[in-house]
Amino acid sequence: MTDHGRSLRTVLTSVGLVGLVTLGPTSCGNGSASACEKALTTAATSVNGVVRAEFTCKRSFGNPSQKGSVTTSGTTQQAVTAVMEDVLRAFARSAELDDASVVYVDFANEPGTISVVEASVGFNGTPSIGDLRDHYDIRPN
């Protein structure tokens, strides 16, 4: 290959990579950790009955990881489950969260005596945001 051909290939490859990087979503999938954490916290704390929500978003070897905890004011299993389901719906409605994101969340009441998991409302494991949208038939605002 000529030097001109190699240079052109290098430029095209660089432009392609820049295009891929700049086209990605700006929150949990490919964006900054702080934008991801803010999007999750905003969605969770918009729900009545949420006392506190904390999230950590990281990238390791290109793979995003979102973990968090949501504390509710619920005093029964049923009340904590209802708040969890409302938070899951809030995640589904958030345009800041992309379909592929999977958020590992611990849901519990304030004293920590009641905790619930997504399986109690029909999910097989931890759902992705896309799974939540499909399950609840919700599209982002």
N, C-alpha and C. Protein backbone atom coordinates (compact mmCIF):
# COMPACT_ATOMS: atom_id res chain seq x y z
N MET A 1 0.85 -1.17 0.00
CA MET A 1 0.00 0.00 0.00
C MET A 1 0.90 1.23 0.00
N THR A 2 0.50 2.26 -0.71
CA THR A 2 1.29 3.48 -0.79
C THR A 2 1.13 4.27 0.50
N ASP A 3 2.06 5.23 0.70
CA ASP A 3 1.96 6.09 1.88
C ASP A 3 0.66 6.89 1.87
N HIS A 4 0.24 7.32 0.67
CA HIS A 4 -1.01 8.06 0.55
C HIS A 4 -2.20 7.19 0.96
N GLY A 5 -2.20 5.93 0.54
CA GLY A 5 -3.26 4.99 0.88
C GLY A 5 -3.33 4.73 2.38
N ARG A 6 -2.15 4.58 3.01
CA ARG A 6 -2.11 4.36 4.46
C ARG A 6 -2.61 5.59 5.21
N SER A 7 -2.22 6.76 4.74
CA SER A 7 -2.65 8.00 5.39
C SER A 7 -4.16 8.16 5.30
N LEU A 8 -4.71 7.90 4.14
CA LEU A 8 -6.15 8.00 3.96
C LEU A 8 -6.88 7.00 4.86
N ARG A 9 -6.36 5.77 4.93
CA ARG A 9 -6.96 4.75 5.79
C ARG A 9 -6.90 5.17 7.26
N THR A 10 -5.78 5.74 7.68
CA THR A 10 -5.63 6.21 9.06
C THR A 10 -6.63 7.31 9.37
N VAL A 11 -6.78 8.26 8.45
CA VAL A 11 -7.73 9.36 8.65
C VAL A 11 -9.16 8.82 8.72
N LEU A 12 -9.53 7.95 7.81
CA LEU A 12 -10.89 7.39 7.81
C LEU A 12 -11.16 6.58 9.07
N THR A 13 -10.18 5.80 9.51
CA THR A 13 -10.34 5.03 10.74
C THR A 13 -10.52 5.96 11.93
N SER A 14 -9.72 7.00 12.00
CA SER A 14 -9.82 7.96 13.11
C SER A 14 -11.16 8.66 13.11
N VAL A 15 -11.62 9.08 11.94
CA VAL A 15 -12.91 9.75 11.84
C VAL A 15 -14.02 8.79 12.26
N GLY A 16 -13.94 7.54 11.85
CA GLY A 16 -14.94 6.55 12.23
C GLY A 16 -14.99 6.33 13.72
N LEU A 17 -13.83 6.25 14.36
CA LEU A 17 -13.79 6.05 15.81
C LEU A 17 -14.34 7.25 16.55
N VAL A 18 -13.99 8.45 16.09
CA VAL A 18 -14.52 9.66 16.72
C VAL A 18 -16.03 9.70 16.57
N GLY A 19 -16.52 9.32 15.39
CA GLY A 19 -17.96 9.29 15.17
C GLY A 19 -18.66 8.33 16.11
N LEU A 20 -18.09 7.16 16.32
CA LEU A 20 -18.69 6.18 17.23
C LEU A 20 -18.72 6.71 18.65
N VAL A 21 -17.65 7.35 19.08
CA VAL A 21 -17.59 7.86 20.45
C VAL A 21 -18.58 8.98 20.65
N THR A 22 -18.72 9.88 19.69
CA THR A 22 -19.59 11.02 19.88
C THR A 22 -21.07 10.70 19.68
N LEU A 23 -21.40 9.58 19.06
CA LEU A 23 -22.80 9.24 18.84
C LEU A 23 -23.43 8.50 20.01
N GLY A 24 -22.64 8.06 20.97
CA GLY A 24 -23.17 7.28 22.08
C GLY A 24 -24.07 8.08 22.99
N PRO A 25 -24.92 7.41 23.79
CA PRO A 25 -25.78 8.09 24.74
C PRO A 25 -24.96 8.82 25.80
N THR A 26 -25.57 9.79 26.45
CA THR A 26 -24.82 10.61 27.38
C THR A 26 -25.00 10.19 28.83
N SER A 27 -25.69 9.11 29.12
CA SER A 27 -25.84 8.74 30.52
C SER A 27 -25.29 7.36 30.79
N CYS A 28 -26.09 6.46 31.32
CA CYS A 28 -25.56 5.22 31.87
C CYS A 28 -24.84 4.31 30.90
N GLY A 29 -25.22 4.26 29.66
CA GLY A 29 -24.55 3.35 28.75
C GLY A 29 -23.12 3.72 28.47
N ASN A 30 -22.89 4.90 27.94
CA ASN A 30 -21.56 5.29 27.51
C ASN A 30 -21.11 6.63 28.05
N GLY A 31 -21.92 7.29 28.82
CA GLY A 31 -21.60 8.64 29.26
C GLY A 31 -20.82 8.67 30.56
N SER A 32 -20.79 9.84 31.16
CA SER A 32 -20.02 10.03 32.38
C SER A 32 -20.70 9.37 33.57
N ALA A 33 -19.87 9.02 34.53
CA ALA A 33 -20.39 8.40 35.76
C ALA A 33 -21.32 9.36 36.48
N SER A 34 -20.97 10.63 36.54
CA SER A 34 -21.80 11.59 37.27
C SER A 34 -23.16 11.78 36.60
N ALA A 35 -23.22 11.77 35.26
CA ALA A 35 -24.50 11.89 34.56
C ALA A 35 -25.37 10.67 34.82
N CYS A 36 -24.75 9.51 34.85
CA CYS A 36 -25.46 8.26 35.13
C CYS A 36 -26.03 8.28 36.54
N GLU A 37 -25.19 8.64 37.51
CA GLU A 37 -25.62 8.68 38.91
C GLU A 37 -26.75 9.68 39.11
N LYS A 38 -26.64 10.83 38.45
CA LYS A 38 -27.68 11.86 38.56
C LYS A 38 -28.99 11.36 37.96
N ALA A 39 -28.94 10.72 36.79
CA ALA A 39 -30.15 10.22 36.13
C ALA A 39 -30.87 9.19 37.00
N LEU A 40 -30.11 8.27 37.57
CA LEU A 40 -30.71 7.23 38.42
C LEU A 40 -31.29 7.84 39.70
N THR A 41 -30.54 8.73 40.33
CA THR A 41 -31.00 9.36 41.57
C THR A 41 -32.24 10.20 41.32
N THR A 42 -32.25 10.96 40.24
CA THR A 42 -33.40 11.79 39.91
C THR A 42 -34.64 10.94 39.69
N ALA A 43 -34.50 9.85 38.94
CA ALA A 43 -35.64 8.97 38.70
C ALA A 43 -36.15 8.36 40.00
N ALA A 44 -35.24 7.83 40.81
CA ALA A 44 -35.65 7.16 42.05
C ALA A 44 -36.29 8.12 43.04
N THR A 45 -35.69 9.29 43.22
CA THR A 45 -36.22 10.22 44.22
C THR A 45 -37.48 10.95 43.76
N SER A 46 -37.88 10.76 42.51
CA SER A 46 -39.14 11.34 42.04
C SER A 46 -40.34 10.54 42.55
N VAL A 47 -40.08 9.40 43.15
CA VAL A 47 -41.14 8.48 43.59
C VAL A 47 -41.51 8.76 45.05
N ASN A 48 -42.83 8.88 45.30
CA ASN A 48 -43.30 9.02 46.68
C ASN A 48 -42.93 7.78 47.47
N GLY A 49 -42.45 7.98 48.68
CA GLY A 49 -42.07 6.87 49.53
C GLY A 49 -40.58 6.58 49.51
N VAL A 50 -39.83 7.21 48.61
CA VAL A 50 -38.37 7.04 48.60
C VAL A 50 -37.78 8.07 49.56
N VAL A 51 -37.05 7.57 50.54
CA VAL A 51 -36.42 8.42 51.54
C VAL A 51 -35.02 8.82 51.09
N ARG A 52 -34.33 7.87 50.46
CA ARG A 52 -32.94 8.10 50.05
C ARG A 52 -32.62 7.18 48.88
N ALA A 53 -31.80 7.68 47.98
CA ALA A 53 -31.33 6.86 46.85
C ALA A 53 -29.88 7.23 46.57
N GLU A 54 -29.04 6.21 46.47
CA GLU A 54 -27.62 6.43 46.19
C GLU A 54 -27.19 5.46 45.10
N PHE A 55 -26.45 5.97 44.12
CA PHE A 55 -26.00 5.15 43.01
C PHE A 55 -24.53 5.40 42.71
N THR A 56 -23.87 4.36 42.23
CA THR A 56 -22.49 4.45 41.77
C THR A 56 -22.43 3.87 40.37
N CYS A 57 -21.90 4.65 39.45
CA CYS A 57 -21.74 4.20 38.07
C CYS A 57 -20.26 4.18 37.75
N LYS A 58 -19.80 3.08 37.18
CA LYS A 58 -18.38 2.93 36.84
C LYS A 58 -18.26 2.27 35.48
N ARG A 59 -17.08 2.41 34.90
CA ARG A 59 -16.73 1.69 33.67
C ARG A 59 -15.45 0.93 33.95
N SER A 60 -15.46 -0.34 33.62
CA SER A 60 -14.28 -1.17 33.79
C SER A 60 -14.05 -1.93 32.49
N PHE A 61 -12.93 -1.69 31.85
CA PHE A 61 -12.61 -2.34 30.57
C PHE A 61 -13.72 -2.13 29.55
N GLY A 62 -14.32 -0.93 29.58
CA GLY A 62 -15.36 -0.59 28.61
C GLY A 62 -16.76 -1.04 28.98
N ASN A 63 -16.90 -1.79 30.07
CA ASN A 63 -18.21 -2.29 30.48
C ASN A 63 -18.77 -1.43 31.61
N PRO A 64 -19.98 -0.89 31.42
CA PRO A 64 -20.57 -0.08 32.48
C PRO A 64 -21.11 -0.93 33.62
N SER A 65 -21.09 -0.36 34.80
CA SER A 65 -21.63 -1.03 35.98
C SER A 65 -22.40 0.01 36.78
N GLN A 66 -23.66 -0.27 37.06
CA GLN A 66 -24.49 0.63 37.85
C GLN A 66 -25.02 -0.13 39.06
N LYS A 67 -24.73 0.41 40.23
CA LYS A 67 -25.21 -0.21 41.47
C LYS A 67 -25.79 0.88 42.36
N GLY A 68 -26.73 0.49 43.20
CA GLY A 68 -27.29 1.48 44.09
C GLY A 68 -28.17 0.89 45.16
N SER A 69 -28.66 1.80 45.98
CA SER A 69 -29.60 1.41 47.02
C SER A 69 -30.71 2.45 47.10
N VAL A 70 -31.90 1.96 47.34
CA VAL A 70 -33.06 2.82 47.51
C VAL A 70 -33.68 2.48 48.85
N THR A 71 -33.82 3.50 49.68
CA THR A 71 -34.43 3.33 51.00
C THR A 71 -35.83 3.92 50.95
N THR A 72 -36.80 3.14 51.43
CA THR A 72 -38.19 3.57 51.39
C THR A 72 -38.73 3.79 52.79
N SER A 73 -39.85 4.49 52.85
CA SER A 73 -40.51 4.72 54.13
C SER A 73 -41.51 3.61 54.45
N GLY A 74 -41.60 2.62 53.59
CA GLY A 74 -42.56 1.53 53.78
C GLY A 74 -42.33 0.76 55.07
N THR A 75 -43.42 0.31 55.66
CA THR A 75 -43.33 -0.45 56.92
C THR A 75 -43.80 -1.89 56.76
N THR A 76 -44.24 -2.24 55.56
CA THR A 76 -44.65 -3.62 55.28
C THR A 76 -43.98 -4.08 53.99
N GLN A 77 -43.92 -5.39 53.81
CA GLN A 77 -43.37 -5.96 52.58
C GLN A 77 -44.12 -5.42 51.36
N GLN A 78 -45.43 -5.35 51.47
CA GLN A 78 -46.26 -4.87 50.37
C GLN A 78 -45.95 -3.40 50.04
N ALA A 79 -45.77 -2.57 51.06
CA ALA A 79 -45.48 -1.14 50.83
C ALA A 79 -44.10 -0.95 50.19
N VAL A 80 -43.10 -1.69 50.66
CA VAL A 80 -41.75 -1.58 50.10
C VAL A 80 -41.75 -2.08 48.65
N THR A 81 -42.49 -3.15 48.39
CA THR A 81 -42.59 -3.69 47.03
C THR A 81 -43.26 -2.67 46.10
N ALA A 82 -44.31 -2.01 46.57
CA ALA A 82 -45.01 -1.01 45.76
C ALA A 82 -44.08 0.15 45.39
N VAL A 83 -43.28 0.60 46.35
CA VAL A 83 -42.33 1.69 46.07
C VAL A 83 -41.27 1.20 45.08
N MET A 84 -40.77 -0.03 45.26
CA MET A 84 -39.79 -0.58 44.33
C MET A 84 -40.36 -0.57 42.91
N GLU A 85 -41.59 -1.02 42.77
CA GLU A 85 -42.19 -1.08 41.44
C GLU A 85 -42.35 0.33 40.85
N ASP A 86 -42.69 1.30 41.67
CA ASP A 86 -42.79 2.68 41.19
C ASP A 86 -41.42 3.21 40.75
N VAL A 87 -40.36 2.84 41.46
CA VAL A 87 -39.00 3.24 41.07
C VAL A 87 -38.63 2.59 39.75
N LEU A 88 -38.95 1.32 39.58
CA LEU A 88 -38.66 0.64 38.32
C LEU A 88 -39.39 1.32 37.16
N ARG A 89 -40.62 1.74 37.39
CA ARG A 89 -41.37 2.48 36.36
C ARG A 89 -40.71 3.83 36.07
N ALA A 90 -40.22 4.49 37.11
CA ALA A 90 -39.54 5.78 36.93
C ALA A 90 -38.27 5.60 36.10
N PHE A 91 -37.54 4.51 36.34
CA PHE A 91 -36.36 4.21 35.52
C PHE A 91 -36.78 4.04 34.06
N ALA A 92 -37.88 3.32 33.84
CA ALA A 92 -38.36 3.07 32.47
C ALA A 92 -38.74 4.37 31.76
N ARG A 93 -39.32 5.32 32.50
CA ARG A 93 -39.74 6.60 31.91
C ARG A 93 -38.58 7.54 31.62
N SER A 94 -37.45 7.35 32.26
CA SER A 94 -36.33 8.29 32.12
C SER A 94 -35.66 8.19 30.75
N ALA A 95 -35.67 9.29 30.03
CA ALA A 95 -35.00 9.35 28.73
C ALA A 95 -33.48 9.36 28.89
N GLU A 96 -33.00 9.61 30.09
CA GLU A 96 -31.56 9.65 30.36
C GLU A 96 -30.95 8.26 30.49
N LEU A 97 -31.77 7.23 30.61
CA LEU A 97 -31.28 5.87 30.80
C LEU A 97 -31.47 5.08 29.51
N ASP A 98 -30.41 4.42 29.05
CA ASP A 98 -30.54 3.68 27.80
C ASP A 98 -31.02 2.25 28.05
N ASP A 99 -31.60 1.66 27.01
CA ASP A 99 -32.22 0.33 27.11
C ASP A 99 -31.29 -0.75 27.63
N ALA A 100 -30.02 -0.68 27.27
CA ALA A 100 -29.08 -1.75 27.62
C ALA A 100 -28.60 -1.68 29.06
N SER A 101 -28.82 -0.57 29.74
CA SER A 101 -28.33 -0.43 31.12
C SER A 101 -29.02 -1.42 32.05
N VAL A 102 -28.23 -2.03 32.91
CA VAL A 102 -28.73 -2.92 33.95
C VAL A 102 -28.28 -2.31 35.27
N VAL A 103 -29.24 -2.00 36.13
CA VAL A 103 -28.94 -1.35 37.40
C VAL A 103 -29.22 -2.32 38.54
N TYR A 104 -28.19 -2.63 39.30
CA TYR A 104 -28.33 -3.52 40.45
C TYR A 104 -28.68 -2.66 41.66
N VAL A 105 -29.90 -2.83 42.16
CA VAL A 105 -30.39 -1.97 43.23
C VAL A 105 -30.85 -2.81 44.42
N ASP A 106 -30.44 -2.38 45.60
CA ASP A 106 -30.95 -2.96 46.84
C ASP A 106 -32.10 -2.07 47.31
N PHE A 107 -33.27 -2.65 47.45
CA PHE A 107 -34.45 -1.92 47.93
C PHE A 107 -34.75 -2.38 49.35
N ALA A 108 -34.86 -1.43 50.28
CA ALA A 108 -35.15 -1.78 51.68
C ALA A 108 -35.86 -0.61 52.36
N ASN A 109 -36.48 -0.92 53.51
CA ASN A 109 -37.09 0.14 54.30
C ASN A 109 -36.02 0.79 55.19
N GLU A 110 -36.38 1.88 55.87
CA GLU A 110 -35.41 2.65 56.66
C GLU A 110 -34.68 1.82 57.71
N PRO A 111 -35.36 1.02 58.52
CA PRO A 111 -34.61 0.25 59.51
C PRO A 111 -33.80 -0.90 58.90
N GLY A 112 -34.07 -1.21 57.62
CA GLY A 112 -33.38 -2.31 56.97
C GLY A 112 -33.95 -3.67 57.32
N THR A 113 -35.14 -3.70 57.87
CA THR A 113 -35.77 -4.96 58.28
C THR A 113 -36.56 -5.63 57.15
N ILE A 114 -36.88 -4.86 56.11
CA ILE A 114 -37.61 -5.41 54.97
C ILE A 114 -36.84 -5.05 53.70
N SER A 115 -36.52 -6.07 52.92
CA SER A 115 -35.89 -5.82 51.62
C SER A 115 -36.64 -6.62 50.56
N VAL A 116 -36.63 -6.09 49.35
CA VAL A 116 -37.35 -6.74 48.25
C VAL A 116 -36.45 -6.78 47.01
N VAL A 117 -36.78 -7.69 46.10
CA VAL A 117 -36.03 -7.83 44.85
C VAL A 117 -37.01 -7.84 43.68
N GLU A 118 -36.47 -7.58 42.50
CA GLU A 118 -37.29 -7.48 41.30
C GLU A 118 -38.06 -8.76 40.99
N ALA A 119 -37.56 -9.90 41.41
CA ALA A 119 -38.24 -11.17 41.15
C ALA A 119 -39.64 -11.19 41.78
N SER A 120 -39.84 -10.42 42.85
CA SER A 120 -41.15 -10.41 43.51
C SER A 120 -42.22 -9.72 42.68
N VAL A 121 -41.82 -9.04 41.60
CA VAL A 121 -42.81 -8.41 40.72
C VAL A 121 -42.71 -8.95 39.29
N GLY A 122 -42.18 -10.18 39.17
CA GLY A 122 -42.25 -10.87 37.89
C GLY A 122 -41.00 -10.89 37.03
N PHE A 123 -39.89 -10.38 37.52
CA PHE A 123 -38.66 -10.41 36.71
C PHE A 123 -37.83 -11.63 37.07
N ASN A 124 -37.14 -12.14 36.07
CA ASN A 124 -36.23 -13.27 36.27
C ASN A 124 -34.82 -12.69 36.38
N GLY A 125 -34.42 -12.32 37.57
CA GLY A 125 -33.13 -11.66 37.76
C GLY A 125 -33.28 -10.15 37.66
N THR A 126 -32.15 -9.48 37.53
CA THR A 126 -32.15 -8.02 37.46
C THR A 126 -32.46 -7.59 36.02
N PRO A 127 -33.52 -6.80 35.84
CA PRO A 127 -33.90 -6.40 34.48
C PRO A 127 -33.06 -5.24 33.95
N SER A 128 -32.92 -5.19 32.64
CA SER A 128 -32.31 -4.02 32.00
C SER A 128 -33.38 -2.93 31.92
N ILE A 129 -32.95 -1.72 31.60
CA ILE A 129 -33.93 -0.64 31.42
C ILE A 129 -34.88 -0.99 30.28
N GLY A 130 -34.37 -1.61 29.23
CA GLY A 130 -35.23 -2.06 28.12
C GLY A 130 -36.26 -3.08 28.58
N ASP A 131 -35.84 -4.00 29.46
CA ASP A 131 -36.78 -4.99 30.02
C ASP A 131 -37.89 -4.29 30.80
N LEU A 132 -37.52 -3.27 31.58
CA LEU A 132 -38.52 -2.52 32.35
C LEU A 132 -39.51 -1.85 31.42
N ARG A 133 -38.99 -1.24 30.36
CA ARG A 133 -39.87 -0.55 29.41
C ARG A 133 -40.84 -1.52 28.74
N ASP A 134 -40.35 -2.69 28.38
CA ASP A 134 -41.21 -3.69 27.76
C ASP A 134 -42.24 -4.23 28.75
N HIS A 135 -41.80 -4.55 29.96
CA HIS A 135 -42.67 -5.13 30.99
C HIS A 135 -43.82 -4.19 31.35
N TYR A 136 -43.48 -2.91 31.54
CA TYR A 136 -44.50 -1.93 31.96
C TYR A 136 -45.11 -1.18 30.78
N ASP A 137 -44.67 -1.49 29.55
CA ASP A 137 -45.14 -0.81 28.35
C ASP A 137 -45.02 0.71 28.50
N ILE A 138 -43.80 1.13 28.86
CA ILE A 138 -43.50 2.55 29.08
C ILE A 138 -42.38 2.95 28.12
N ARG A 139 -42.52 4.11 27.53
CA ARG A 139 -41.45 4.68 26.71
C ARG A 139 -40.99 5.97 27.37
N PRO A 140 -39.72 6.32 27.20
CA PRO A 140 -39.19 7.52 27.86
C PRO A 140 -39.95 8.78 27.49
N ASN A 141 -39.98 9.70 28.44
CA ASN A 141 -40.62 11.01 28.21
C ASN A 141 -39.81 11.83 27.25
